[in-house]
């Protein structure tokens, strides 16, 4: 999910279909070594949502400076999982 003014980053989403009645006992997620890369430009910010039928359409996207000037990583979590109710 994108947030207005924050960087639009690539993401990977997958769905695993299991046979009916399967019981998941544990999930382990892992990722490879982290690499850094210097970019020549800022990453494009996501546009803000607009209400359908609204006459107020933003002319340009405003950058969220709290993210773009922060020393912290964005996003702060590399992996998120969807919690399914029992």
PDB file of N, CA and C in Angstrom:
ATOM      1  N   UNK A   1       0.849  -1.172   0.000  1.00  0.00           N
ATOM      2  CA  UNK A   1       0.000   0.000   0.000  1.00  0.00           C
ATOM      3  C   UNK A   1       0.899   1.240   0.000  1.00  0.00           C
ATOM      4  N   UNK A   2       0.561   2.178  -0.833  1.00  0.00           N
ATOM      5  CA  UNK A   2       1.329   3.410  -0.908  1.00  0.00           C
ATOM      6  C   UNK A   2       0.719   4.466   0.001  1.00  0.00           C
ATOM      7  N   UNK A   3       1.579   5.357   0.506  1.00  0.00           N
ATOM      8  CA  UNK A   3       1.124   6.466   1.341  1.00  0.00           C
ATOM      9  C   UNK A   3       1.500   7.759   0.653  1.00  0.00           C
ATOM     10  N   UNK A   4       0.555   8.676   0.549  1.00  0.00           N
ATOM     11  CA  UNK A   4       0.775   9.943  -0.127  1.00  0.00           C
ATOM     12  C   UNK A   4       2.013  10.680   0.365  1.00  0.00           C
ATOM     13  N   UNK A   5       2.865  11.118  -0.578  1.00  0.00           N
ATOM     14  CA  UNK A   5       4.061  11.879  -0.256  1.00  0.00           C
ATOM     15  C   UNK A   5       5.269  11.045   0.110  1.00  0.00           C
ATOM     16  N   UNK A   6       5.064   9.752   0.341  1.00  0.00           N
ATOM     17  CA  UNK A   6       6.167   8.862   0.716  1.00  0.00           C
ATOM     18  C   UNK A   6       6.688   8.140  -0.529  1.00  0.00           C
ATOM     19  N   UNK A   7       7.925   7.633  -0.485  1.00  0.00           N
ATOM     20  CA  UNK A   7       8.518   6.986  -1.667  1.00  0.00           C
ATOM     21  C   UNK A   7       7.718   5.799  -2.196  1.00  0.00           C
ATOM     22  N   UNK A   8       7.622   5.714  -3.508  1.00  0.00           N
ATOM     23  CA  UNK A   8       7.011   4.558  -4.169  1.00  0.00           C
ATOM     24  C   UNK A   8       8.129   3.552  -4.390  1.00  0.00           C
ATOM     25  N   UNK A   9       8.073   2.444  -3.667  1.00  0.00           N
ATOM     26  CA  UNK A   9       9.123   1.433  -3.728  1.00  0.00           C
ATOM     27  C   UNK A   9       8.583   0.139  -4.320  1.00  0.00           C
ATOM     28  N   UNK A  10       9.454  -0.627  -4.965  1.00  0.00           N
ATOM     29  CA  UNK A  10       9.002  -1.921  -5.479  1.00  0.00           C
ATOM     30  C   UNK A  10       8.650  -2.847  -4.322  1.00  0.00           C
ATOM     31  N   UNK A  11       7.710  -3.724  -4.576  1.00  0.00           N
ATOM     32  CA  UNK A  11       7.339  -4.691  -3.546  1.00  0.00           C
ATOM     33  C   UNK A  11       7.008  -6.019  -4.200  1.00  0.00           C
ATOM     34  N   UNK A  12       7.117  -7.053  -3.418  1.00  0.00           N
ATOM     35  CA  UNK A  12       6.835  -8.401  -3.887  1.00  0.00           C
ATOM     36  C   UNK A  12       5.723  -8.972  -3.015  1.00  0.00           C
ATOM     37  N   UNK A  13       4.669  -9.403  -3.639  1.00  0.00           N
ATOM     38  CA  UNK A  13       3.543  -9.991  -2.929  1.00  0.00           C
ATOM     39  C   UNK A  13       3.290 -11.379  -3.492  1.00  0.00           C
ATOM     40  N   UNK A  14       3.011 -12.330  -2.617  1.00  0.00           N
ATOM     41  CA  UNK A  14       2.700 -13.683  -3.093  1.00  0.00           C
ATOM     42  C   UNK A  14       1.557 -14.264  -2.271  1.00  0.00           C
ATOM     43  N   UNK A  15       0.831 -15.142  -2.888  1.00  0.00           N
ATOM     44  CA  UNK A  15      -0.248 -15.860  -2.222  1.00  0.00           C
ATOM     45  C   UNK A  15       0.044 -17.348  -2.359  1.00  0.00           C
ATOM     46  N   UNK A  16      -0.060 -18.040  -1.266  1.00  0.00           N
ATOM     47  CA  UNK A  16       0.165 -19.481  -1.277  1.00  0.00           C
ATOM     48  C   UNK A  16      -1.174 -20.152  -1.019  1.00  0.00           C
ATOM     49  N   UNK A  17      -1.600 -20.973  -1.957  1.00  0.00           N
ATOM     50  CA  UNK A  17      -2.857 -21.702  -1.794  1.00  0.00           C
ATOM     51  C   UNK A  17      -2.558 -23.086  -1.250  1.00  0.00           C
ATOM     52  N   UNK A  18      -3.222 -23.417  -0.164  1.00  0.00           N
ATOM     53  CA  UNK A  18      -3.034 -24.712   0.489  1.00  0.00           C
ATOM     54  C   UNK A  18      -4.309 -25.530   0.366  1.00  0.00           C
ATOM     55  N   UNK A  19      -4.176 -26.829   0.406  1.00  0.00           N
ATOM     56  CA  UNK A  19      -5.367 -27.681   0.342  1.00  0.00           C
ATOM     57  C   UNK A  19      -6.314 -27.388   1.504  1.00  0.00           C
ATOM     58  N   UNK A  20      -7.614 -27.547   1.257  1.00  0.00           N
ATOM     59  CA  UNK A  20      -8.624 -27.330   2.294  1.00  0.00           C
ATOM     60  C   UNK A  20      -8.299 -28.193   3.513  1.00  0.00           C
ATOM     61  N   UNK A  21      -8.386 -27.597   4.682  1.00  0.00           N
ATOM     62  CA  UNK A  21      -8.129 -28.322   5.922  1.00  0.00           C
ATOM     63  C   UNK A  21      -6.679 -28.275   6.377  1.00  0.00           C
ATOM     64  N   UNK A  22      -5.812 -27.627   5.598  1.00  0.00           N
ATOM     65  CA  UNK A  22      -4.402 -27.530   5.989  1.00  0.00           C
ATOM     66  C   UNK A  22      -4.274 -26.774   7.305  1.00  0.00           C
ATOM     67  N   UNK A  23      -3.304 -27.171   8.100  1.00  0.00           N
ATOM     68  CA  UNK A  23      -3.027 -26.487   9.370  1.00  0.00           C
ATOM     69  C   UNK A  23      -1.604 -25.934   9.292  1.00  0.00           C
ATOM     70  N   UNK A  24      -1.492 -24.626   9.427  1.00  0.00           N
ATOM     71  CA  UNK A  24      -0.178 -23.977   9.399  1.00  0.00           C
ATOM     72  C   UNK A  24       0.325 -23.895  10.824  1.00  0.00           C
ATOM     73  N   UNK A  25       1.467 -24.504  11.068  1.00  0.00           N
ATOM     74  CA  UNK A  25       2.018 -24.517  12.418  1.00  0.00           C
ATOM     75  C   UNK A  25       3.073 -23.430  12.616  1.00  0.00           C
ATOM     76  N   UNK A  26       3.771 -23.040  11.543  1.00  0.00           N
ATOM     77  CA  UNK A  26       4.819 -22.040  11.685  1.00  0.00           C
ATOM     78  C   UNK A  26       5.135 -21.453  10.309  1.00  0.00           C
ATOM     79  N   UNK A  27       5.559 -20.204  10.304  1.00  0.00           N
ATOM     80  CA  UNK A  27       5.996 -19.546   9.072  1.00  0.00           C
ATOM     81  C   UNK A  27       7.353 -18.914   9.343  1.00  0.00           C
ATOM     82  N   UNK A  28       8.295 -19.127   8.431  1.00  0.00           N
ATOM     83  CA  UNK A  28       9.620 -18.520   8.563  1.00  0.00           C
ATOM     84  C   UNK A  28       9.895 -17.736   7.281  1.00  0.00           C
ATOM     85  N   UNK A  29      10.186 -16.448   7.417  1.00  0.00           N
ATOM     86  CA  UNK A  29      10.503 -15.592   6.280  1.00  0.00           C
ATOM     87  C   UNK A  29      11.951 -15.148   6.384  1.00  0.00           C
ATOM     88  N   UNK A  30      12.657 -15.131   5.257  1.00  0.00           N
ATOM     89  CA  UNK A  30      14.066 -14.734   5.259  1.00  0.00           C
ATOM     90  C   UNK A  30      14.362 -13.925   4.000  1.00  0.00           C
ATOM     91  N   UNK A  31      15.388 -13.100   4.071  1.00  0.00           N
ATOM     92  CA  UNK A  31      15.816 -12.339   2.899  1.00  0.00           C
ATOM     93  C   UNK A  31      17.328 -12.356   2.825  1.00  0.00           C
ATOM     94  N   UNK A  32      17.858 -12.055   1.648  1.00  0.00           N
ATOM     95  CA  UNK A  32      19.297 -12.107   1.410  1.00  0.00           C
ATOM     96  C   UNK A  32      20.019 -10.912   2.016  1.00  0.00           C
ATOM     97  N   UNK A  33      21.308 -10.890   1.804  1.00  0.00           N
ATOM     98  CA  UNK A  33      22.164  -9.814   2.278  1.00  0.00           C
ATOM     99  C   UNK A  33      21.685  -8.458   1.751  1.00  0.00           C
ATOM    100  N   UNK A  34      21.838  -7.425   2.565  1.00  0.00           N
ATOM    101  CA  UNK A  34      21.415  -6.078   2.198  1.00  0.00           C
ATOM    102  C   UNK A  34      22.526  -5.398   1.403  1.00  0.00           C
ATOM    103  N   UNK A  35      22.150  -4.749   0.304  1.00  0.00           N
ATOM    104  CA  UNK A  35      23.092  -3.991  -0.513  1.00  0.00           C
ATOM    105  C   UNK A  35      22.626  -2.543  -0.560  1.00  0.00           C
ATOM    106  N   UNK A  36      23.552  -1.602  -0.580  1.00  0.00           N
ATOM    107  CA  UNK A  36      23.195  -0.195  -0.698  1.00  0.00           C
ATOM    108  C   UNK A  36      23.585   0.321  -2.068  1.00  0.00           C
ATOM    109  N   UNK A  37      22.872   1.328  -2.504  1.00  0.00           N
ATOM    110  CA  UNK A  37      23.121   1.915  -3.809  1.00  0.00           C
ATOM    111  C   UNK A  37      22.868   3.413  -3.719  1.00  0.00           C
ATOM    112  N   UNK A  38      23.761   4.206  -4.274  1.00  0.00           N
ATOM    113  CA  UNK A  38      23.581   5.655  -4.291  1.00  0.00           C
ATOM    114  C   UNK A  38      22.727   5.998  -5.510  1.00  0.00           C
ATOM    115  N   UNK A  39      21.664   6.758  -5.278  1.00  0.00           N
ATOM    116  CA  UNK A  39      20.768   7.136  -6.363  1.00  0.00           C
ATOM    117  C   UNK A  39      21.063   8.571  -6.798  1.00  0.00           C
ATOM    118  N   UNK A  40      20.916   8.834  -8.082  1.00  0.00           N
ATOM    119  CA  UNK A  40      21.197  10.176  -8.593  1.00  0.00           C
ATOM    120  C   UNK A  40      20.010  11.121  -8.416  1.00  0.00           C
ATOM    121  N   UNK A  41      18.824  10.557  -8.164  1.00  0.00           N
ATOM    122  CA  UNK A  41      17.623  11.365  -7.978  1.00  0.00           C
ATOM    123  C   UNK A  41      16.848  10.830  -6.783  1.00  0.00           C
ATOM    124  N   UNK A  42      15.925  11.656  -6.267  1.00  0.00           N
ATOM    125  CA  UNK A  42      15.046  11.197  -5.203  1.00  0.00           C
ATOM    126  C   UNK A  42      14.036  10.212  -5.784  1.00  0.00           C
ATOM    127  N   UNK A  43      13.601   9.277  -4.957  1.00  0.00           N
ATOM    128  CA  UNK A  43      12.586   8.321  -5.379  1.00  0.00           C
ATOM    129  C   UNK A  43      11.247   9.057  -5.463  1.00  0.00           C
ATOM    130  N   UNK A  44      10.502   8.788  -6.509  1.00  0.00           N
ATOM    131  CA  UNK A  44       9.224   9.456  -6.746  1.00  0.00           C
ATOM    132  C   UNK A  44       8.268   9.240  -5.576  1.00  0.00           C
ATOM    133  N   UNK A  45       7.628  10.305  -5.095  1.00  0.00           N
ATOM    134  CA  UNK A  45       6.653  10.145  -4.018  1.00  0.00           C
ATOM    135  C   UNK A  45       5.310   9.674  -4.564  1.00  0.00           C
ATOM    136  N   UNK A  46       4.560   8.965  -3.740  1.00  0.00           N
ATOM    137  CA  UNK A  46       3.228   8.494  -4.120  1.00  0.00           C
ATOM    138  C   UNK A  46       2.250   9.659  -4.101  1.00  0.00           C
ATOM    139  N   UNK A  47       1.306   9.660  -5.031  1.00  0.00           N
ATOM    140  CA  UNK A  47       0.288  10.707  -5.009  1.00  0.00           C
ATOM    141  C   UNK A  47      -0.656  10.510  -3.825  1.00  0.00           C
ATOM    142  N   UNK A  48      -1.302  11.588  -3.418  1.00  0.00           N
ATOM    143  CA  UNK A  48      -2.292  11.504  -2.353  1.00  0.00           C
ATOM    144  C   UNK A  48      -3.604  10.995  -2.939  1.00  0.00           C
ATOM    145  N   UNK A  49      -4.386  10.254  -2.153  1.00  0.00           N
ATOM    146  CA  UNK A  49      -5.661   9.764  -2.667  1.00  0.00           C
ATOM    147  C   UNK A  49      -6.611  10.922  -2.963  1.00  0.00           C
ATOM    148  N   UNK A  50      -7.464  10.719  -3.948  1.00  0.00           N
ATOM    149  CA  UNK A  50      -8.455  11.715  -4.330  1.00  0.00           C
ATOM    150  C   UNK A  50      -9.823  11.059  -4.275  1.00  0.00           C
ATOM    151  N   UNK A  51     -10.797  11.768  -3.748  1.00  0.00           N
ATOM    152  CA  UNK A  51     -12.156  11.240  -3.674  1.00  0.00           C
ATOM    153  C   UNK A  51     -12.755  11.247  -5.080  1.00  0.00           C
ATOM    154  N   UNK A  52     -13.286  10.104  -5.488  1.00  0.00           N
ATOM    155  CA  UNK A  52     -13.868   9.987  -6.820  1.00  0.00           C
ATOM    156  C   UNK A  52     -14.984  11.010  -6.995  1.00  0.00           C
ATOM    157  N   UNK A  53     -14.945  11.719  -8.110  1.00  0.00           N
ATOM    158  CA  UNK A  53     -15.956  12.725  -8.407  1.00  0.00           C
ATOM    159  C   UNK A  53     -15.638  14.089  -7.825  1.00  0.00           C
ATOM    160  N   UNK A  54     -14.542  14.185  -7.050  1.00  0.00           N
ATOM    161  CA  UNK A  54     -14.158  15.462  -6.453  1.00  0.00           C
ATOM    162  C   UNK A  54     -13.569  16.373  -7.517  1.00  0.00           C
ATOM    163  N   UNK A  55     -13.853  17.670  -7.403  1.00  0.00           N
ATOM    164  CA  UNK A  55     -13.294  18.631  -8.357  1.00  0.00           C
ATOM    165  C   UNK A  55     -11.922  19.125  -7.895  1.00  0.00           C
ATOM    166  N   UNK A  56     -11.525  18.754  -6.686  1.00  0.00           N
ATOM    167  CA  UNK A  56     -10.231  19.189  -6.153  1.00  0.00           C
ATOM    168  C   UNK A  56      -9.171  18.126  -6.430  1.00  0.00           C
ATOM    169  N   UNK A  57      -8.471  18.272  -7.522  1.00  0.00           N
ATOM    170  CA  UNK A  57      -7.415  17.342  -7.898  1.00  0.00           C
ATOM    171  C   UNK A  57      -6.076  18.036  -7.676  1.00  0.00           C
ATOM    172  N   UNK A  58      -5.171  17.441  -6.875  1.00  0.00           N
ATOM    173  CA  UNK A  58      -3.878  18.090  -6.646  1.00  0.00           C
ATOM    174  C   UNK A  58      -3.072  18.195  -7.937  1.00  0.00           C
ATOM    175  N   UNK A  59      -2.424  19.350  -8.149  1.00  0.00           N
ATOM    176  CA  UNK A  59      -1.635  19.562  -9.353  1.00  0.00           C
ATOM    177  C   UNK A  59      -0.291  18.862  -9.278  1.00  0.00           C
ATOM    178  N   UNK A  60       0.248  18.738  -8.075  1.00  0.00           N
ATOM    179  CA  UNK A  60       1.519  18.042  -7.910  1.00  0.00           C
ATOM    180  C   UNK A  60       1.521  17.315  -6.575  1.00  0.00           C
ATOM    181  N   UNK A  61       2.346  16.303  -6.477  1.00  0.00           N
ATOM    182  CA  UNK A  61       2.461  15.549  -5.233  1.00  0.00           C
ATOM    183  C   UNK A  61       3.441  16.251  -4.313  1.00  0.00           C
ATOM    184  N   UNK A  62       3.055  16.418  -3.064  1.00  0.00           N
ATOM    185  CA  UNK A  62       3.917  17.052  -2.073  1.00  0.00           C
ATOM    186  C   UNK A  62       4.740  15.972  -1.387  1.00  0.00           C
ATOM    187  N   UNK A  63       6.053  16.153  -1.364  1.00  0.00           N
ATOM    188  CA  UNK A  63       6.967  15.192  -0.742  1.00  0.00           C
ATOM    189  C   UNK A  63       6.848  15.264   0.775  1.00  0.00           C
ATOM    190  N   UNK A  64       6.767  14.109   1.412  1.00  0.00           N
ATOM    191  CA  UNK A  64       6.753  14.030   2.869  1.00  0.00           C
ATOM    192  C   UNK A  64       8.195  14.177   3.349  1.00  0.00           C
ATOM    193  N   UNK A  65       8.567  15.382   3.737  1.00  0.00           N
ATOM    194  CA  UNK A  65       9.950  15.683   4.122  1.00  0.00           C
ATOM    195  C   UNK A  65      10.409  14.899   5.352  1.00  0.00           C
ATOM    196  N   UNK A  66       9.469  14.466   6.206  1.00  0.00           N
ATOM    197  CA  UNK A  66       9.880  13.698   7.389  1.00  0.00           C
ATOM    198  C   UNK A  66      10.502  12.366   6.977  1.00  0.00           C
ATOM    199  N   UNK A  67      10.095  11.832   5.836  1.00  0.00           N
ATOM    200  CA  UNK A  67      10.666  10.571   5.335  1.00  0.00           C
ATOM    201  C   UNK A  67      11.931  10.855   4.529  1.00  0.00           C
ATOM    202  N   UNK A  68      11.850  11.810   3.609  1.00  0.00           N
ATOM    203  CA  UNK A  68      12.960  12.069   2.690  1.00  0.00           C
ATOM    204  C   UNK A  68      14.187  12.679   3.373  1.00  0.00           C
ATOM    205  N   UNK A  69      14.030  13.334   4.502  1.00  0.00           N
ATOM    206  CA  UNK A  69      15.183  13.926   5.200  1.00  0.00           C
ATOM    207  C   UNK A  69      15.622  13.115   6.418  1.00  0.00           C
ATOM    208  N   UNK A  70      14.902  12.056   6.731  1.00  0.00           N
ATOM    209  CA  UNK A  70      15.213  11.237   7.903  1.00  0.00           C
ATOM    210  C   UNK A  70      16.440  10.364   7.658  1.00  0.00           C
ATOM    211  N   UNK A  71      17.155  10.067   8.712  1.00  0.00           N
ATOM    212  CA  UNK A  71      18.286   9.127   8.659  1.00  0.00           C
ATOM    213  C   UNK A  71      17.798   7.688   8.842  1.00  0.00           C
ATOM    214  N   UNK A  72      16.536   7.524   9.219  1.00  0.00           N
ATOM    215  CA  UNK A  72      15.954   6.206   9.450  1.00  0.00           C
ATOM    216  C   UNK A  72      15.608   5.548   8.111  1.00  0.00           C
ATOM    217  N   UNK A  73      15.597   4.212   8.095  1.00  0.00           N
ATOM    218  CA  UNK A  73      15.214   3.477   6.903  1.00  0.00           C
ATOM    219  C   UNK A  73      13.714   3.602   6.651  1.00  0.00           C
ATOM    220  N   UNK A  74      13.347   3.605   5.395  1.00  0.00           N
ATOM    221  CA  UNK A  74      11.931   3.600   5.023  1.00  0.00           C
ATOM    222  C   UNK A  74      11.708   2.512   3.995  1.00  0.00           C
ATOM    223  N   UNK A  75      10.744   1.660   4.214  1.00  0.00           N
ATOM    224  CA  UNK A  75       9.929   1.519   5.427  1.00  0.00           C
ATOM    225  C   UNK A  75      10.737   0.883   6.548  1.00  0.00           C
ATOM    226  N   UNK A  76      10.230   0.989   7.756  1.00  0.00           N
ATOM    227  CA  UNK A  76      10.988   0.467   8.899  1.00  0.00           C
ATOM    228  C   UNK A  76      10.892  -1.053   9.016  1.00  0.00           C
ATOM    229  N   UNK A  77       9.944  -1.682   8.315  1.00  0.00           N
ATOM    230  CA  UNK A  77       9.827  -3.143   8.303  1.00  0.00           C
ATOM    231  C   UNK A  77      10.043  -3.650   6.886  1.00  0.00           C
ATOM    232  N   UNK A  78      10.854  -4.664   6.732  1.00  0.00           N
ATOM    233  CA  UNK A  78      11.146  -5.236   5.426  1.00  0.00           C
ATOM    234  C   UNK A  78      10.076  -6.220   4.992  1.00  0.00           C
ATOM    235  N   UNK A  79       9.498  -6.905   5.960  1.00  0.00           N
ATOM    236  CA  UNK A  79       8.522  -7.944   5.663  1.00  0.00           C
ATOM    237  C   UNK A  79       7.293  -7.705   6.521  1.00  0.00           C
ATOM    238  N   UNK A  80       6.131  -7.780   5.890  1.00  0.00           N
ATOM    239  CA  UNK A  80       4.875  -7.725   6.636  1.00  0.00           C
ATOM    240  C   UNK A  80       4.051  -8.925   6.211  1.00  0.00           C
ATOM    241  N   UNK A  81       3.266  -9.429   7.134  1.00  0.00           N
ATOM    242  CA  UNK A  81       2.428 -10.580   6.821  1.00  0.00           C
ATOM    243  C   UNK A  81       0.982 -10.228   7.130  1.00  0.00           C
ATOM    244  N   UNK A  82       0.087 -10.849   6.435  1.00  0.00           N
ATOM    245  CA  UNK A  82      -1.338 -10.663   6.649  1.00  0.00           C
ATOM    246  C   UNK A  82      -1.780 -11.647   7.715  1.00  0.00           C
ATOM    247  N   UNK A  83      -2.421 -11.133   8.721  1.00  0.00           N
ATOM    248  CA  UNK A  83      -2.923 -11.998   9.798  1.00  0.00           C
ATOM    249  C   UNK A  83      -4.325 -12.472   9.421  1.00  0.00           C
ATOM    250  N   UNK A  84      -4.535 -13.773   9.431  1.00  0.00           N
ATOM    251  CA  UNK A  84      -5.833 -14.347   9.095  1.00  0.00           C
ATOM    252  C   UNK A  84      -6.513 -14.780  10.374  1.00  0.00           C
ATOM    253  N   UNK A  85      -7.765 -14.391  10.529  1.00  0.00           N
ATOM    254  CA  UNK A  85      -8.525 -14.755  11.730  1.00  0.00           C
ATOM    255  C   UNK A  85      -8.801 -16.249  11.758  1.00  0.00           C
ATOM    256  N   UNK A  86      -8.860 -16.808  12.952  1.00  0.00           N
ATOM    257  CA  UNK A  86      -9.165 -18.235  13.111  1.00  0.00           C
ATOM    258  C   UNK A  86     -10.613 -18.527  12.799  1.00  0.00           C
TER     259      UNK A  86
END
